[in-house]
Amino acid sequence: MSLICQLETDIEIKAPADKFHEVFSCRPHHMSNVSPEKIQGVELHEGHLLEKYKDFDATVQVTPKKDGGSLVHWTVKYEKASKEAPDAKGIIQLVTDMTKDLDAHLIEQA
């Protein structure tokens, strides 16, 4: 049984792709201001994910739409440490919620 998994989701947003990308690439620490119910702070360190998954990789791609707004595509690839490890559906829900929160924040700031 393969323990390598991949989950993907697409979210349409109203914000421009470059503004969305800038927050994730240059100011990820601002996400605690944008989505305080979900993110209380941002630090880089080892954590519980490495106990459940041998490998974990989350990728975001933001593409401008011709009619305005953007399409955000999240991909989460992971290898479970054991067959008892949970699927990463909670992570997909978290990034979906954060994407919507950031979109609302960027539109409000425009």
PDB file of N, CA and C in Angstrom:
ATOM      1  N   MET A   1       0.836  -1.192   0.000  1.00  0.00           N
ATOM      2  CA  MET A   1       0.000   0.000   0.000  1.00  0.00           C
ATOM      3  C   MET A   1       0.878   1.251   0.000  1.00  0.00           C
ATOM      4  N   SER A   2       0.637   2.137  -0.948  1.00  0.00           N
ATOM      5  CA  SER A   2       1.404   3.368  -1.040  1.00  0.00           C
ATOM      6  C   SER A   2       0.930   4.369   0.006  1.00  0.00           C
ATOM      7  N   LEU A   3       1.885   4.989   0.655  1.00  0.00           N
ATOM      8  CA  LEU A   3       1.554   6.000   1.653  1.00  0.00           C
ATOM      9  C   LEU A   3       1.826   7.403   1.118  1.00  0.00           C
ATOM     10  N   ILE A   4       2.102   7.504  -0.194  1.00  0.00           N
ATOM     11  CA  ILE A   4       2.338   8.798  -0.828  1.00  0.00           C
ATOM     12  C   ILE A   4       0.996   9.321  -1.332  1.00  0.00           C
ATOM     13  N   CYS A   5       0.668  10.550  -0.954  1.00  0.00           N
ATOM     14  CA  CYS A   5      -0.642  11.131  -1.277  1.00  0.00           C
ATOM     15  C   CYS A   5      -0.479  12.537  -1.841  1.00  0.00           C
ATOM     16  N   GLN A   6      -1.504  12.987  -2.539  1.00  0.00           N
ATOM     17  CA  GLN A   6      -1.535  14.348  -3.063  1.00  0.00           C
ATOM     18  C   GLN A   6      -2.968  14.856  -3.028  1.00  0.00           C
ATOM     19  N   LEU A   7      -3.140  16.061  -2.511  1.00  0.00           N
ATOM     20  CA  LEU A   7      -4.436  16.733  -2.501  1.00  0.00           C
ATOM     21  C   LEU A   7      -4.267  18.075  -3.197  1.00  0.00           C
ATOM     22  N   GLU A   8      -5.295  18.498  -3.931  1.00  0.00           N
ATOM     23  CA  GLU A   8      -5.253  19.774  -4.641  1.00  0.00           C
ATOM     24  C   GLU A   8      -6.585  20.491  -4.487  1.00  0.00           C
ATOM     25  N   THR A   9      -6.515  21.813  -4.573  1.00  0.00           N
ATOM     26  CA  THR A   9      -7.738  22.607  -4.563  1.00  0.00           C
ATOM     27  C   THR A   9      -7.501  23.891  -5.351  1.00  0.00           C
ATOM     28  N   ASP A  10      -8.564  24.411  -5.958  1.00  0.00           N
ATOM     29  CA  ASP A  10      -8.545  25.685  -6.678  1.00  0.00           C
ATOM     30  C   ASP A  10      -9.519  26.633  -6.004  1.00  0.00           C
ATOM     31  N   ILE A  11      -9.079  27.884  -5.835  1.00  0.00           N
ATOM     32  CA  ILE A  11      -9.923  28.910  -5.227  1.00  0.00           C
ATOM     33  C   ILE A  11      -9.858  30.155  -6.110  1.00  0.00           C
ATOM     34  N   GLU A  12     -10.999  30.640  -6.534  1.00  0.00           N
ATOM     35  CA  GLU A  12     -11.044  31.895  -7.285  1.00  0.00           C
ATOM     36  C   GLU A  12     -11.074  33.048  -6.296  1.00  0.00           C
ATOM     37  N   ILE A  13     -10.232  34.060  -6.561  1.00  0.00           N
ATOM     38  CA  ILE A  13     -10.184  35.239  -5.700  1.00  0.00           C
ATOM     39  C   ILE A  13     -10.336  36.492  -6.551  1.00  0.00           C
ATOM     40  N   LYS A  14     -10.639  37.602  -5.892  1.00  0.00           N
ATOM     41  CA  LYS A  14     -10.798  38.880  -6.581  1.00  0.00           C
ATOM     42  C   LYS A  14      -9.495  39.670  -6.628  1.00  0.00           C
ATOM     43  N   ALA A  15      -8.575  39.375  -5.729  1.00  0.00           N
ATOM     44  CA  ALA A  15      -7.318  40.115  -5.624  1.00  0.00           C
ATOM     45  C   ALA A  15      -6.386  39.797  -6.798  1.00  0.00           C
ATOM     46  N   PRO A  16      -5.501  40.748  -7.131  1.00  0.00           N
ATOM     47  CA  PRO A  16      -4.511  40.496  -8.182  1.00  0.00           C
ATOM     48  C   PRO A  16      -3.501  39.429  -7.741  1.00  0.00           C
ATOM     49  N   ALA A  17      -3.037  38.640  -8.691  1.00  0.00           N
ATOM     50  CA  ALA A  17      -2.097  37.552  -8.400  1.00  0.00           C
ATOM     51  C   ALA A  17      -0.809  38.069  -7.765  1.00  0.00           C
ATOM     52  N   ASP A  18      -0.282  39.196  -8.256  1.00  0.00           N
ATOM     53  CA  ASP A  18       0.992  39.692  -7.725  1.00  0.00           C
ATOM     54  C   ASP A  18       0.880  40.114  -6.262  1.00  0.00           C
ATOM     55  N   LYS A  19      -0.229  40.687  -5.873  1.00  0.00           N
ATOM     56  CA  LYS A  19      -0.428  41.094  -4.471  1.00  0.00           C
ATOM     57  C   LYS A  19      -0.533  39.872  -3.562  1.00  0.00           C
ATOM     58  N   PHE A  20      -1.268  38.864  -4.016  1.00  0.00           N
ATOM     59  CA  PHE A  20      -1.413  37.632  -3.247  1.00  0.00           C
ATOM     60  C   PHE A  20      -0.051  36.955  -3.091  1.00  0.00           C
ATOM     61  N   HIS A  21       0.671  36.828  -4.196  1.00  0.00           N
ATOM     62  CA  HIS A  21       1.983  36.174  -4.178  1.00  0.00           C
ATOM     63  C   HIS A  21       2.953  36.913  -3.264  1.00  0.00           C
ATOM     64  N   GLU A  22       2.910  38.228  -3.280  1.00  0.00           N
ATOM     65  CA  GLU A  22       3.842  39.018  -2.474  1.00  0.00           C
ATOM     66  C   GLU A  22       3.715  38.699  -0.987  1.00  0.00           C
ATOM     67  N   VAL A  23       2.512  38.525  -0.509  1.00  0.00           N
ATOM     68  CA  VAL A  23       2.331  38.221   0.915  1.00  0.00           C
ATOM     69  C   VAL A  23       2.974  36.878   1.251  1.00  0.00           C
ATOM     70  N   PHE A  24       2.723  35.858   0.453  1.00  0.00           N
ATOM     71  CA  PHE A  24       3.276  34.535   0.751  1.00  0.00           C
ATOM     72  C   PHE A  24       4.781  34.467   0.533  1.00  0.00           C
ATOM     73  N   SER A  25       5.319  35.197  -0.444  1.00  0.00           N
ATOM     74  CA  SER A  25       6.749  35.097  -0.734  1.00  0.00           C
ATOM     75  C   SER A  25       7.596  36.073   0.073  1.00  0.00           C
ATOM     76  N   CYS A  26       7.060  37.243   0.400  1.00  0.00           N
ATOM     77  CA  CYS A  26       7.859  38.277   1.066  1.00  0.00           C
ATOM     78  C   CYS A  26       7.407  38.603   2.487  1.00  0.00           C
ATOM     79  N   ARG A  27       6.138  38.380   2.802  1.00  0.00           N
ATOM     80  CA  ARG A  27       5.614  38.762   4.118  1.00  0.00           C
ATOM     81  C   ARG A  27       4.729  37.677   4.739  1.00  0.00           C
ATOM     82  N   PRO A  28       5.193  36.434   4.798  1.00  0.00           N
ATOM     83  CA  PRO A  28       4.334  35.381   5.358  1.00  0.00           C
ATOM     84  C   PRO A  28       3.967  35.628   6.818  1.00  0.00           C
ATOM     85  N   HIS A  29       4.813  36.374   7.532  1.00  0.00           N
ATOM     86  CA  HIS A  29       4.526  36.687   8.936  1.00  0.00           C
ATOM     87  C   HIS A  29       3.280  37.563   9.087  1.00  0.00           C
ATOM     88  N   HIS A  30       2.824  38.187   8.019  1.00  0.00           N
ATOM     89  CA  HIS A  30       1.615  39.021   8.068  1.00  0.00           C
ATOM     90  C   HIS A  30       0.333  38.188   8.100  1.00  0.00           C
ATOM     91  N   MET A  31       0.443  36.904   7.815  1.00  0.00           N
ATOM     92  CA  MET A  31      -0.758  36.061   7.806  1.00  0.00           C
ATOM     93  C   MET A  31      -1.429  36.006   9.178  1.00  0.00           C
ATOM     94  N   SER A  32      -0.672  36.201  10.251  1.00  0.00           N
ATOM     95  CA  SER A  32      -1.299  36.202  11.580  1.00  0.00           C
ATOM     96  C   SER A  32      -2.182  37.437  11.763  1.00  0.00           C
ATOM     97  N   ASN A  33      -1.917  38.513  11.029  1.00  0.00           N
ATOM     98  CA  ASN A  33      -2.782  39.699  11.061  1.00  0.00           C
ATOM     99  C   ASN A  33      -3.998  39.516  10.153  1.00  0.00           C
ATOM    100  N   VAL A  34      -3.812  38.814   9.057  1.00  0.00           N
ATOM    101  CA  VAL A  34      -4.860  38.611   8.060  1.00  0.00           C
ATOM    102  C   VAL A  34      -5.866  37.556   8.512  1.00  0.00           C
ATOM    103  N   SER A  35      -5.378  36.515   9.157  1.00  0.00           N
ATOM    104  CA  SER A  35      -6.209  35.369   9.535  1.00  0.00           C
ATOM    105  C   SER A  35      -5.935  34.976  10.993  1.00  0.00           C
ATOM    106  N   PRO A  36      -6.202  35.893  11.941  1.00  0.00           N
ATOM    107  CA  PRO A  36      -5.809  35.656  13.337  1.00  0.00           C
ATOM    108  C   PRO A  36      -6.509  34.480  14.015  1.00  0.00           C
ATOM    109  N   GLU A  37      -7.685  34.094  13.529  1.00  0.00           N
ATOM    110  CA  GLU A  37      -8.375  32.955  14.138  1.00  0.00           C
ATOM    111  C   GLU A  37      -7.662  31.641  13.825  1.00  0.00           C
ATOM    112  N   LYS A  38      -6.931  31.624  12.711  1.00  0.00           N
ATOM    113  CA  LYS A  38      -6.281  30.394  12.268  1.00  0.00           C
ATOM    114  C   LYS A  38      -4.770  30.410  12.478  1.00  0.00           C
ATOM    115  N   ILE A  39      -4.164  31.589  12.384  1.00  0.00           N
ATOM    116  CA  ILE A  39      -2.709  31.721  12.489  1.00  0.00           C
ATOM    117  C   ILE A  39      -2.402  32.726  13.600  1.00  0.00           C
ATOM    118  N   GLN A  40      -1.770  32.257  14.666  1.00  0.00           N
ATOM    119  CA  GLN A  40      -1.430  33.152  15.774  1.00  0.00           C
ATOM    120  C   GLN A  40      -0.018  33.710  15.640  1.00  0.00           C
ATOM    121  N   GLY A  41       0.808  33.080  14.855  1.00  0.00           N
ATOM    122  CA  GLY A  41       2.174  33.536  14.634  1.00  0.00           C
ATOM    123  C   GLY A  41       2.829  32.638  13.600  1.00  0.00           C
ATOM    124  N   VAL A  42       3.959  33.090  13.070  1.00  0.00           N
ATOM    125  CA  VAL A  42       4.672  32.317  12.064  1.00  0.00           C
ATOM    126  C   VAL A  42       6.119  32.171  12.498  1.00  0.00           C
ATOM    127  N   GLU A  43       6.540  30.927  12.686  1.00  0.00           N
ATOM    128  CA  GLU A  43       7.926  30.613  13.009  1.00  0.00           C
ATOM    129  C   GLU A  43       8.328  29.410  12.169  1.00  0.00           C
ATOM    130  N   LEU A  44       9.594  29.346  11.813  1.00  0.00           N
ATOM    131  CA  LEU A  44      10.097  28.211  11.060  1.00  0.00           C
ATOM    132  C   LEU A  44      10.812  27.270  12.017  1.00  0.00           C
ATOM    133  N   HIS A  45      10.241  26.082  12.201  1.00  0.00           N
ATOM    134  CA  HIS A  45      10.859  25.074  13.059  1.00  0.00           C
ATOM    135  C   HIS A  45      10.234  23.722  12.770  1.00  0.00           C
ATOM    136  N   GLU A  46      10.831  22.677  13.305  1.00  0.00           N
ATOM    137  CA  GLU A  46      10.252  21.349  13.138  1.00  0.00           C
ATOM    138  C   GLU A  46       8.998  21.263  13.987  1.00  0.00           C
ATOM    139  N   GLY A  47       8.070  20.416  13.589  1.00  0.00           N
ATOM    140  CA  GLY A  47       6.827  20.332  14.341  1.00  0.00           C
ATOM    141  C   GLY A  47       6.159  18.984  14.197  1.00  0.00           C
ATOM    142  N   HIS A  48       4.898  18.955  14.570  1.00  0.00           N
ATOM    143  CA  HIS A  48       4.155  17.700  14.583  1.00  0.00           C
ATOM    144  C   HIS A  48       3.938  17.106  13.194  1.00  0.00           C
ATOM    145  N   LEU A  49       4.028  17.916  12.147  1.00  0.00           N
ATOM    146  CA  LEU A  49       3.859  17.371  10.799  1.00  0.00           C
ATOM    147  C   LEU A  49       4.891  16.288  10.511  1.00  0.00           C
ATOM    148  N   LEU A  50       6.113  16.495  11.004  1.00  0.00           N
ATOM    149  CA  LEU A  50       7.169  15.527  10.739  1.00  0.00           C
ATOM    150  C   LEU A  50       6.995  14.245  11.542  1.00  0.00           C
ATOM    151  N   GLU A  51       6.137  14.261  12.540  1.00  0.00           N
ATOM    152  CA  GLU A  51       5.821  13.036  13.275  1.00  0.00           C
ATOM    153  C   GLU A  51       4.807  12.187  12.500  1.00  0.00           C
ATOM    154  N   LYS A  52       3.941  12.841  11.735  1.00  0.00           N
ATOM    155  CA  LYS A  52       2.879  12.137  11.005  1.00  0.00           C
ATOM    156  C   LYS A  52       3.248  11.824   9.561  1.00  0.00           C
ATOM    157  N   TYR A  53       4.165  12.636   9.003  1.00  0.00           N
ATOM    158  CA  TYR A  53       4.505  12.502   7.594  1.00  0.00           C
ATOM    159  C   TYR A  53       6.019  12.442   7.418  1.00  0.00           C
ATOM    160  N   LYS A  54       6.488  11.504   6.582  1.00  0.00           N
ATOM    161  CA  LYS A  54       7.914  11.408   6.275  1.00  0.00           C
ATOM    162  C   LYS A  54       8.351  12.588   5.421  1.00  0.00           C
ATOM    163  N   ASP A  55       7.463  13.004   4.547  1.00  0.00           N
ATOM    164  CA  ASP A  55       7.743  14.106   3.630  1.00  0.00           C
ATOM    165  C   ASP A  55       6.464  14.917   3.489  1.00  0.00           C
ATOM    166  N   PHE A  56       6.596  16.241   3.437  1.00  0.00           N
ATOM    167  CA  PHE A  56       5.423  17.102   3.321  1.00  0.00           C
ATOM    168  C   PHE A  56       5.817  18.323   2.502  1.00  0.00           C
ATOM    169  N   ASP A  57       5.046  18.615   1.456  1.00  0.00           N
ATOM    170  CA  ASP A  57       5.347  19.741   0.576  1.00  0.00           C
ATOM    171  C   ASP A  57       4.039  20.407   0.161  1.00  0.00           C
ATOM    172  N   ALA A  58       3.918  21.689   0.456  1.00  0.00           N
ATOM    173  CA  ALA A  58       2.744  22.464   0.034  1.00  0.00           C
ATOM    174  C   ALA A  58       3.207  23.505  -0.984  1.00  0.00           C
ATOM    175  N   THR A  59       2.505  23.571  -2.109  1.00  0.00           N
ATOM    176  CA  THR A  59       2.849  24.497  -3.185  1.00  0.00           C
ATOM    177  C   THR A  59       1.618  25.321  -3.538  1.00  0.00           C
ATOM    178  N   VAL A  60       1.839  26.623  -3.748  1.00  0.00           N
ATOM    179  CA  VAL A  60       0.748  27.495  -4.178  1.00  0.00           C
ATOM    180  C   VAL A  60       1.136  28.128  -5.511  1.00  0.00           C
ATOM    181  N   GLN A  61       0.183  28.154  -6.448  1.00  0.00           N
ATOM    182  CA  GLN A  61       0.370  28.808  -7.734  1.00  0.00           C
ATOM    183  C   GLN A  61      -0.793  29.775  -7.919  1.00  0.00           C
ATOM    184  N   VAL A  62      -0.475  31.020  -8.243  1.00  0.00           N
ATOM    185  CA  VAL A  62      -1.508  32.043  -8.415  1.00  0.00           C
ATOM    186  C   VAL A  62      -1.438  32.554  -9.849  1.00  0.00           C
ATOM    187  N   THR A  63      -2.548  32.437 -10.563  1.00  0.00           N
ATOM    188  CA  THR A  63      -2.599  32.801 -11.973  1.00  0.00           C
ATOM    189  C   THR A  63      -3.627  33.905 -12.177  1.00  0.00           C
ATOM    190  N   PRO A  64      -3.205  35.026 -12.816  1.00  0.00           N
ATOM    191  CA  PRO A  64      -4.179  36.083 -13.110  1.00  0.00           C
ATOM    192  C   PRO A  64      -5.233  35.587 -14.101  1.00  0.00           C
ATOM    193  N   LYS A  65      -6.464  36.037 -13.899  1.00  0.00           N
ATOM    194  CA  LYS A  65      -7.543  35.709 -14.827  1.00  0.00           C
ATOM    195  C   LYS A  65      -7.739  36.883 -15.781  1.00  0.00           C
ATOM    196  N   LYS A  66      -8.101  36.598 -17.015  1.00  0.00           N
ATOM    197  CA  LYS A  66      -8.274  37.646 -18.028  1.00  0.00           C
ATOM    198  C   LYS A  66      -9.352  38.644 -17.647  1.00  0.00           C
ATOM    199  N   ASP A  67     -10.402  38.167 -16.985  1.00  0.00           N
ATOM    200  CA  ASP A  67     -11.518  39.042 -16.626  1.00  0.00           C
ATOM    201  C   ASP A  67     -11.350  39.683 -15.247  1.00  0.00           C
ATOM    202  N   GLY A  68     -10.142  39.611 -14.686  1.00  0.00           N
ATOM    203  CA  GLY A  68      -9.870  40.177 -13.362  1.00  0.00           C
ATOM    204  C   GLY A  68      -9.846  39.096 -12.305  1.00  0.00           C
ATOM    205  N   GLY A  69      -9.189  39.400 -11.217  1.00  0.00           N
ATOM    206  CA  GLY A  69      -9.055  38.412 -10.163  1.00  0.00           C
ATOM    207  C   GLY A  69      -7.986  37.389 -10.504  1.00  0.00           C
ATOM    208  N   SER A  70      -7.962  36.315  -9.750  1.00  0.00           N
ATOM    209  CA  SER A  70      -6.921  35.303  -9.909  1.00  0.00           C
ATOM    210  C   SER A  70      -7.467  33.930  -9.550  1.00  0.00           C
ATOM    211  N   LEU A  71      -6.741  32.922  -9.980  1.00  0.00           N
ATOM    212  CA  LEU A  71      -7.036  31.549  -9.588  1.00  0.00           C
ATOM    213  C   LEU A  71      -5.864  31.055  -8.740  1.00  0.00           C
ATOM    214  N   VAL A  72      -6.167  30.625  -7.527  1.00  0.00           N
ATOM    215  CA  VAL A  72      -5.152  30.113  -6.607  1.00  0.00           C
ATOM    216  C   VAL A  72      -5.252  28.591  -6.609  1.00  0.00           C
ATOM    217  N   HIS A  73      -4.134  27.942  -6.920  1.00  0.00           N
ATOM    218  CA  HIS A  73      -4.088  26.475  -6.954  1.00  0.00           C
ATOM    219  C   HIS A  73      -3.112  25.997  -5.883  1.00  0.00           C
ATOM    220  N   TRP A  74      -3.626  25.251  -4.922  1.00  0.00           N
ATOM    221  CA  TRP A  74      -2.814  24.657  -3.858  1.00  0.00           C
ATOM    222  C   TRP A  74      -2.620  23.175  -4.144  1.00  0.00           C
ATOM    223  N   THR A  75      -1.387  22.706  -3.962  1.00  0.00           N
ATOM    224  CA  THR A  75      -1.072  21.282  -4.046  1.00  0.00           C
ATOM    225  C   THR A  75      -0.356  20.887  -2.762  1.00  0.00           C
ATOM    226  N   VAL A  76      -0.839  19.854  -2.117  1.00  0.00           N
ATOM    227  CA  VAL A  76      -0.201  19.317  -0.914  1.00  0.00           C
ATOM    228  C   VAL A  76       0.197  17.876  -1.224  1.00  0.00           C
ATOM    229  N   LYS A  77       1.514  17.634  -1.235  1.00  0.00           N
ATOM    230  CA  LYS A  77       2.045  16.288  -1.456  1.00  0.00           C
ATOM    231  C   LYS A  77       2.675  15.831  -0.149  1.00  0.00           C
ATOM    232  N   TYR A  78       2.403  14.589   0.219  1.00  0.00           N
ATOM    233  CA  TYR A  78       2.954  14.098   1.478  1.00  0.00           C
ATOM    234  C   TYR A  78       3.068  12.586   1.462  1.00  0.00           C
ATOM    235  N   GLU A  79       3.972  12.098   2.289  1.00  0.00           N
ATOM    236  CA  GLU A  79       4.103  10.665   2.502  1.00  0.00           C
ATOM    237  C   GLU A  79       3.832  10.400   3.966  1.00  0.00           C
ATOM    238  N   LYS A  80       2.843   9.589   4.229  1.00  0.00           N
ATOM    239  CA  LYS A  80       2.482   9.266   5.608  1.00  0.00           C
ATOM    240  C   LYS A  80       3.605   8.467   6.271  1.00  0.00           C
ATOM    241  N   ALA A  81       3.860   8.752   7.539  1.00  0.00           N
ATOM    242  CA  ALA A  81       4.850   8.000   8.300  1.00  0.00           C
ATOM    243  C   ALA A  81       4.355   6.584   8.582  1.00  0.00           C
ATOM    244  N   SER A  82       3.038   6.430   8.652  1.00  0.00           N
ATOM    245  CA  SER A  82       2.429   5.113   8.858  1.00  0.00           C
ATOM    246  C   SER A  82       1.030   5.143   8.262  1.00  0.00           C
ATOM    247  N   LYS A  83       0.435   3.977   8.103  1.00  0.00           N
ATOM    248  CA  LYS A  83      -0.917   3.948   7.532  1.00  0.00           C
ATOM    249  C   LYS A  83      -1.949   4.551   8.473  1.00  0.00           C
ATOM    250  N   GLU A  84      -1.606   4.716   9.749  1.00  0.00           N
ATOM    251  CA  GLU A  84      -2.516   5.335  10.718  1.00  0.00           C
ATOM    252  C   GLU A  84      -2.495   6.864  10.646  1.00  0.00           C
ATOM    253  N   ALA A  85      -1.492   7.430   9.999  1.00  0.00           N
ATOM    254  CA  ALA A  85      -1.396   8.891   9.891  1.00  0.00           C
ATOM    255  C   ALA A  85      -2.608   9.421   9.126  1.00  0.00           C
ATOM    256  N   PRO A  86      -3.130  10.573   9.540  1.00  0.00           N
ATOM    257  CA  PRO A  86      -4.324  11.112   8.879  1.00  0.00           C
ATOM    258  C   PRO A  86      -4.020  11.684   7.499  1.00  0.00           C
ATOM    259  N   ASP A  87      -5.053  11.759   6.669  1.00  0.00           N
ATOM    260  CA  ASP A  87      -4.929  12.488   5.414  1.00  0.00           C
ATOM    261  C   ASP A  87      -4.761  13.965   5.751  1.00  0.00           C
ATOM    262  N   ALA A  88      -4.268  14.729   4.798  1.00  0.00           N
ATOM    263  CA  ALA A  88      -4.010  16.152   5.029  1.00  0.00           C
ATOM    264  C   ALA A  88      -5.208  17.014   4.635  1.00  0.00           C
ATOM    265  N   LYS A  89      -6.417  16.495   4.755  1.00  0.00           N
ATOM    266  CA  LYS A  89      -7.616  17.262   4.400  1.00  0.00           C
ATOM    267  C   LYS A  89      -7.758  18.510   5.259  1.00  0.00           C
ATOM    268  N   GLY A  90      -7.327  18.436   6.510  1.00  0.00           N
ATOM    269  CA  GLY A  90      -7.368  19.606   7.384  1.00  0.00           C
ATOM    270  C   GLY A  90      -6.443  20.708   6.897  1.00  0.00           C
ATOM    271  N   ILE A  91      -5.301  20.322   6.333  1.00  0.00           N
ATOM    272  CA  ILE A  91      -4.356  21.304   5.785  1.00  0.00           C
ATOM    273  C   ILE A  91      -4.969  21.985   4.566  1.00  0.00           C
ATOM    274  N   ILE A  92      -5.618  21.213   3.702  1.00  0.00           N
ATOM    275  CA  ILE A  92      -6.274  21.798   2.522  1.00  0.00           C
ATOM    276  C   ILE A  92      -7.361  22.778   2.962  1.00  0.00           C
ATOM    277  N   GLN A  93      -8.121  22.432   3.983  1.00  0.00           N
ATOM    278  CA  GLN A  93      -9.159  23.339   4.483  1.00  0.00           C
ATOM    279  C   GLN A  93      -8.530  24.602   5.058  1.00  0.00           C
ATOM    280  N   LEU A  94      -7.416  24.449   5.776  1.00  0.00           N
ATOM    281  CA  LEU A  94      -6.722  25.603   6.346  1.00  0.00           C
ATOM    282  C   LEU A  94      -6.233  26.547   5.259  1.00  0.00           C
ATOM    283  N   VAL A  95      -5.570  26.031   4.218  1.00  0.00           N
ATOM    284  CA  VAL A  95      -5.064  26.919   3.169  1.00  0.00           C
ATOM    285  C   VAL A  95      -6.207  27.538   2.368  1.00  0.00           C
ATOM    286  N   THR A  96      -7.322  26.828   2.233  1.00  0.00           N
ATOM    287  CA  THR A  96      -8.499  27.403   1.569  1.00  0.00           C
ATOM    288  C   THR A  96      -9.037  28.576   2.381  1.00  0.00           C
ATOM    289  N   ASP A  97      -9.180  28.388   3.677  1.00  0.00           N
ATOM    290  CA  ASP A  97      -9.669  29.463   4.550  1.00  0.00           C
ATOM    291  C   ASP A  97      -8.706  30.646   4.559  1.00  0.00           C
ATOM    292  N   MET A  98      -7.402  30.366   4.632  1.00  0.00           N
ATOM    293  CA  MET A  98      -6.403  31.441   4.630  1.00  0.00           C
ATOM    294  C   MET A  98      -6.423  32.205   3.309  1.00  0.00           C
ATOM    295  N   THR A  99      -6.615  31.494   2.209  1.00  0.00           N
ATOM    296  CA  THR A  99      -6.686  32.129   0.892  1.00  0.00           C
ATOM    297  C   THR A  99      -7.861  33.103   0.842  1.00  0.00           C
ATOM    298  N   LYS A 100      -9.000  32.683   1.333  1.00  0.00           N
ATOM    299  CA  LYS A 100     -10.186  33.548   1.350  1.00  0.00           C
ATOM    300  C   LYS A 100      -9.986  34.744   2.276  1.00  0.00           C
ATOM    301  N   ASP A 101      -9.361  34.522   3.432  1.00  0.00           N
ATOM    302  CA  ASP A 101      -9.083  35.626   4.355  1.00  0.00           C
ATOM    303  C   ASP A 101      -8.128  36.636   3.730  1.00  0.00           C
ATOM    304  N   LEU A 102      -7.075  36.142   3.074  1.00  0.00           N
ATOM    305  CA  LEU A 102      -6.111  37.043   2.440  1.00  0.00           C
ATOM    306  C   LEU A 102      -6.764  37.801   1.295  1.00  0.00           C
ATOM    307  N   ASP A 103      -7.600  37.147   0.518  1.00  0.00           N
ATOM    308  CA  ASP A 103      -8.310  37.819  -0.568  1.00  0.00           C
ATOM    309  C   ASP A 103      -9.144  38.975  -0.019  1.00  0.00           C
ATOM    310  N   ALA A 104      -9.914  38.714   1.021  1.00  0.00           N
ATOM    311  CA  ALA A 104     -10.745  39.766   1.623  1.00  0.00           C
ATOM    312  C   ALA A 104      -9.880  40.912   2.136  1.00  0.00           C
ATOM    313  N   HIS A 105      -8.753  40.589   2.747  1.00  0.00           N
ATOM    314  CA  HIS A 105      -7.839  41.609   3.275  1.00  0.00           C
ATOM    315  C   HIS A 105      -7.266  42.466   2.140  1.00  0.00           C
ATOM    316  N   LEU A 106      -6.818  41.824   1.065  1.00  0.00           N
ATOM    317  CA  LEU A 106      -6.230  42.567  -0.052  1.00  0.00           C
ATOM    318  C   LEU A 106      -7.262  43.445  -0.747  1.00  0.00           C
ATOM    319  N   ILE A 107      -8.484  42.972  -0.887  1.00  0.00           N
ATOM    320  CA  ILE A 107      -9.548  43.771  -1.508  1.00  0.00           C
ATOM    321  C   ILE A 107      -9.876  44.972  -0.623  1.00  0.00           C
ATOM    322  N   GLU A 108      -9.897  44.754   0.686  1.00  0.00           N
ATOM    323  CA  GLU A 108     -10.169  45.842   1.630  1.00  0.00           C
ATOM    324  C   GLU A 108      -9.078  46.905   1.577  1.00  0.00           C
ATOM    325  N   GLN A 109      -7.830  46.486   1.359  1.00  0.00           N
ATOM    326  CA  GLN A 109      -6.694  47.409   1.320  1.00  0.00           C
ATOM    327  C   GLN A 109      -6.602  48.183   0.005  1.00  0.00           C
ATOM    328  N   ALA A 110      -7.265  47.699  -1.033  1.00  0.00           N
ATOM    329  CA  ALA A 110      -7.157  48.323  -2.368  1.00  0.00           C
ATOM    330  C   ALA A 110      -7.833  49.673  -2.417  1.00  0.00           C
TER     331      ALA A 110
END
